[in-house]
Amino acid sequence: MLAIDRQKRREAETELDYLQIFEFNPDNQRQAIEVIHRQEEPFFIDYQTYTIKGKMPDFQIKKLWVIDDRSHQTMLLSEDY
């Protein structure tokens, strides 16, 4: 997922912010998970839909925050922030 994101950023010429936000919206009817990836400065948003083969997993994560200070990367669930 992050490799695709880097390619899209290069194409859009958008600089990576230290805070990345990923939102996950499962759609059981379509057997898919929509992933919304965004950052605030500079503004960037991307929508991806991933189809799940087989049984749809019980997906509990709604939002994931990724903080990158160039020496460490930290992932937090929104309820942990």
N, C-alpha and C. Protein backbone atom coordinates (compact mmCIF):
# COMPACT_ATOMS: atom_id res chain seq x y z
N MET A 1 0.83 -1.19 0.00
CA MET A 1 0.00 0.00 0.00
C MET A 1 0.88 1.25 0.00
N LEU A 2 1.94 1.27 0.80
CA LEU A 2 2.78 2.46 0.86
C LEU A 2 3.58 2.66 -0.42
N ALA A 3 3.96 1.58 -1.11
CA ALA A 3 4.70 1.71 -2.38
C ALA A 3 3.82 2.37 -3.43
N ILE A 4 2.55 1.98 -3.49
CA ILE A 4 1.60 2.61 -4.42
C ILE A 4 1.46 4.08 -4.08
N ASP A 5 1.38 4.39 -2.78
CA ASP A 5 1.24 5.76 -2.33
C ASP A 5 2.44 6.61 -2.76
N ARG A 6 3.65 6.08 -2.63
CA ARG A 6 4.84 6.84 -3.02
C ARG A 6 4.81 7.17 -4.51
N GLN A 7 4.40 6.22 -5.33
CA GLN A 7 4.32 6.45 -6.77
C GLN A 7 3.29 7.54 -7.08
N LYS A 8 2.12 7.48 -6.44
CA LYS A 8 1.08 8.50 -6.68
C LYS A 8 1.56 9.88 -6.25
N ARG A 9 2.31 9.94 -5.15
CA ARG A 9 2.85 11.22 -4.67
C ARG A 9 3.84 11.79 -5.67
N ARG A 10 4.69 10.93 -6.23
CA ARG A 10 5.65 11.41 -7.23
C ARG A 10 4.92 11.99 -8.42
N GLU A 11 3.87 11.28 -8.86
CA GLU A 11 3.09 11.77 -10.00
C GLU A 11 2.41 13.09 -9.67
N ALA A 12 1.91 13.25 -8.45
CA ALA A 12 1.22 14.47 -8.05
C ALA A 12 2.19 15.53 -7.54
N GLU A 13 3.46 15.15 -7.36
CA GLU A 13 4.49 16.05 -6.84
C GLU A 13 4.09 16.63 -5.48
N THR A 14 3.56 15.78 -4.62
CA THR A 14 3.16 16.18 -3.27
C THR A 14 4.20 15.71 -2.27
N GLU A 15 4.63 16.59 -1.40
CA GLU A 15 5.61 16.26 -0.38
C GLU A 15 4.93 15.50 0.76
N LEU A 16 5.66 14.57 1.35
CA LEU A 16 5.12 13.75 2.42
C LEU A 16 5.13 14.53 3.74
N ASP A 17 3.97 14.59 4.39
CA ASP A 17 3.83 15.22 5.70
C ASP A 17 4.27 14.22 6.78
N TYR A 18 4.63 14.71 7.95
CA TYR A 18 5.04 13.82 9.04
C TYR A 18 3.88 12.98 9.56
N LEU A 19 2.62 13.42 9.33
CA LEU A 19 1.44 12.71 9.81
C LEU A 19 0.60 12.24 8.62
N GLN A 20 0.42 10.93 8.53
CA GLN A 20 -0.41 10.32 7.51
C GLN A 20 -1.61 9.67 8.19
N ILE A 21 -2.78 9.80 7.61
CA ILE A 21 -4.00 9.24 8.19
C ILE A 21 -4.61 8.26 7.19
N PHE A 22 -4.89 7.06 7.67
CA PHE A 22 -5.54 6.02 6.86
C PHE A 22 -6.87 5.68 7.51
N GLU A 23 -7.94 5.76 6.73
CA GLU A 23 -9.27 5.38 7.22
C GLU A 23 -9.73 4.15 6.45
N PHE A 24 -10.33 3.20 7.15
CA PHE A 24 -10.76 1.94 6.56
C PHE A 24 -12.27 1.80 6.68
N ASN A 25 -12.93 1.61 5.54
CA ASN A 25 -14.38 1.47 5.51
C ASN A 25 -14.75 0.14 4.84
N PRO A 26 -15.05 -0.89 5.65
CA PRO A 26 -15.42 -2.17 5.05
C PRO A 26 -16.81 -2.10 4.43
N ASP A 27 -16.97 -2.79 3.30
CA ASP A 27 -18.26 -2.89 2.62
C ASP A 27 -18.54 -4.38 2.43
N ASN A 28 -19.27 -4.96 3.38
CA ASN A 28 -19.52 -6.39 3.36
C ASN A 28 -20.31 -6.83 2.14
N GLN A 29 -21.20 -5.99 1.66
CA GLN A 29 -22.03 -6.35 0.52
C GLN A 29 -21.18 -6.51 -0.75
N ARG A 30 -20.20 -5.65 -0.93
CA ARG A 30 -19.32 -5.73 -2.11
C ARG A 30 -18.06 -6.55 -1.87
N GLN A 31 -17.90 -7.09 -0.64
CA GLN A 31 -16.68 -7.83 -0.29
C GLN A 31 -15.44 -6.98 -0.53
N ALA A 32 -15.45 -5.74 -0.04
CA ALA A 32 -14.35 -4.82 -0.30
C ALA A 32 -14.08 -3.95 0.92
N ILE A 33 -12.90 -3.38 0.95
CA ILE A 33 -12.53 -2.40 1.97
C ILE A 33 -12.04 -1.15 1.24
N GLU A 34 -12.68 -0.02 1.52
CA GLU A 34 -12.23 1.25 0.95
C GLU A 34 -11.20 1.84 1.91
N VAL A 35 -10.07 2.26 1.35
CA VAL A 35 -9.00 2.88 2.14
C VAL A 35 -8.88 4.33 1.69
N ILE A 36 -9.02 5.24 2.65
CA ILE A 36 -8.84 6.67 2.37
C ILE A 36 -7.53 7.08 3.03
N HIS A 37 -6.62 7.57 2.24
CA HIS A 37 -5.31 8.00 2.74
C HIS A 37 -5.23 9.51 2.55
N ARG A 38 -4.88 10.21 3.64
CA ARG A 38 -4.81 11.66 3.52
C ARG A 38 -3.74 12.23 4.42
N GLN A 39 -3.38 13.47 4.12
CA GLN A 39 -2.52 14.28 4.96
C GLN A 39 -3.01 15.71 4.86
N GLU A 40 -2.62 16.53 5.82
CA GLU A 40 -3.13 17.90 5.86
C GLU A 40 -2.20 18.91 5.21
N GLU A 41 -0.88 18.80 5.42
CA GLU A 41 0.07 19.79 4.91
C GLU A 41 1.21 19.13 4.15
N PRO A 42 1.38 19.32 2.89
CA PRO A 42 0.42 19.89 1.96
C PRO A 42 -0.74 18.90 1.77
N PHE A 43 -1.89 19.43 1.44
CA PHE A 43 -3.09 18.62 1.35
C PHE A 43 -2.92 17.52 0.30
N PHE A 44 -3.31 16.31 0.68
CA PHE A 44 -3.30 15.17 -0.23
C PHE A 44 -4.37 14.19 0.22
N ILE A 45 -5.11 13.62 -0.72
CA ILE A 45 -6.10 12.59 -0.40
C ILE A 45 -6.14 11.60 -1.55
N ASP A 46 -6.27 10.33 -1.18
CA ASP A 46 -6.32 9.26 -2.18
C ASP A 46 -7.33 8.22 -1.71
N TYR A 47 -8.09 7.68 -2.65
CA TYR A 47 -9.09 6.66 -2.36
C TYR A 47 -8.70 5.38 -3.09
N GLN A 48 -8.70 4.28 -2.37
CA GLN A 48 -8.43 2.97 -2.97
C GLN A 48 -9.48 1.99 -2.45
N THR A 49 -9.90 1.06 -3.29
CA THR A 49 -10.82 0.01 -2.88
C THR A 49 -10.15 -1.33 -3.15
N TYR A 50 -10.12 -2.17 -2.13
CA TYR A 50 -9.50 -3.49 -2.23
C TYR A 50 -10.57 -4.54 -2.08
N THR A 51 -10.66 -5.44 -3.05
CA THR A 51 -11.64 -6.53 -3.01
C THR A 51 -11.06 -7.69 -2.21
N ILE A 52 -11.90 -8.26 -1.36
CA ILE A 52 -11.48 -9.37 -0.51
C ILE A 52 -11.97 -10.67 -1.15
N LYS A 53 -11.06 -11.58 -1.38
CA LYS A 53 -11.42 -12.90 -1.91
C LYS A 53 -11.79 -13.79 -0.73
N GLY A 54 -12.87 -14.53 -0.86
CA GLY A 54 -13.29 -15.42 0.22
C GLY A 54 -14.10 -14.68 1.27
N LYS A 55 -14.04 -15.17 2.51
CA LYS A 55 -14.82 -14.60 3.60
C LYS A 55 -14.27 -13.23 4.02
N MET A 56 -15.16 -12.29 4.19
CA MET A 56 -14.78 -10.94 4.63
C MET A 56 -14.31 -11.01 6.09
N PRO A 57 -13.10 -10.50 6.38
CA PRO A 57 -12.61 -10.54 7.77
C PRO A 57 -13.39 -9.59 8.67
N ASP A 58 -13.38 -9.90 9.96
CA ASP A 58 -13.99 -9.01 10.95
C ASP A 58 -13.03 -7.84 11.16
N PHE A 59 -13.23 -6.77 10.43
CA PHE A 59 -12.29 -5.66 10.37
C PHE A 59 -12.63 -4.63 11.44
N GLN A 60 -11.78 -4.50 12.46
CA GLN A 60 -12.05 -3.62 13.60
C GLN A 60 -11.39 -2.25 13.49
N ILE A 61 -10.33 -2.12 12.69
CA ILE A 61 -9.60 -0.86 12.61
C ILE A 61 -10.37 0.11 11.73
N LYS A 62 -10.67 1.29 12.26
CA LYS A 62 -11.37 2.32 11.50
C LYS A 62 -10.43 3.40 11.01
N LYS A 63 -9.44 3.75 11.85
CA LYS A 63 -8.51 4.83 11.49
C LYS A 63 -7.13 4.50 12.05
N LEU A 64 -6.11 4.74 11.24
CA LEU A 64 -4.73 4.50 11.64
C LEU A 64 -3.93 5.76 11.36
N TRP A 65 -3.21 6.24 12.36
CA TRP A 65 -2.36 7.43 12.19
C TRP A 65 -0.92 6.96 12.14
N VAL A 66 -0.16 7.44 11.17
CA VAL A 66 1.25 7.09 11.03
C VAL A 66 2.06 8.38 11.16
N ILE A 67 2.97 8.39 12.13
CA ILE A 67 3.82 9.56 12.39
C ILE A 67 5.25 9.18 12.01
N ASP A 68 5.89 10.01 11.19
CA ASP A 68 7.25 9.75 10.73
C ASP A 68 8.11 10.96 11.06
N ASP A 69 9.07 10.79 11.98
CA ASP A 69 9.95 11.90 12.33
C ASP A 69 11.33 11.76 11.65
N ARG A 70 11.38 10.96 10.60
CA ARG A 70 12.56 10.70 9.77
C ARG A 70 13.55 9.74 10.42
N SER A 71 13.45 9.49 11.71
CA SER A 71 14.31 8.48 12.34
C SER A 71 13.48 7.30 12.87
N HIS A 72 12.20 7.54 13.13
CA HIS A 72 11.28 6.50 13.63
C HIS A 72 9.91 6.68 12.98
N GLN A 73 9.22 5.58 12.81
CA GLN A 73 7.83 5.62 12.35
C GLN A 73 6.97 5.00 13.45
N THR A 74 5.88 5.66 13.77
CA THR A 74 4.97 5.20 14.81
C THR A 74 3.57 5.10 14.24
N MET A 75 2.91 3.98 14.51
CA MET A 75 1.52 3.80 14.08
C MET A 75 0.64 3.80 15.31
N LEU A 76 -0.42 4.57 15.25
CA LEU A 76 -1.36 4.66 16.37
C LEU A 76 -2.78 4.46 15.89
N LEU A 77 -3.55 3.75 16.67
CA LEU A 77 -4.99 3.72 16.43
C LEU A 77 -5.56 5.00 16.99
N SER A 78 -6.63 5.50 16.42
CA SER A 78 -7.17 6.79 16.86
C SER A 78 -7.57 6.77 18.33
N GLU A 79 -8.00 5.62 18.84
CA GLU A 79 -8.38 5.56 20.26
C GLU A 79 -7.16 5.57 21.19
N ASP A 80 -5.95 5.36 20.64
CA ASP A 80 -4.72 5.40 21.44
C ASP A 80 -4.09 6.79 21.48
N TYR A 81 -4.58 7.70 20.66
CA TYR A 81 -3.97 9.02 20.56
C TYR A 81 -4.52 9.95 21.61
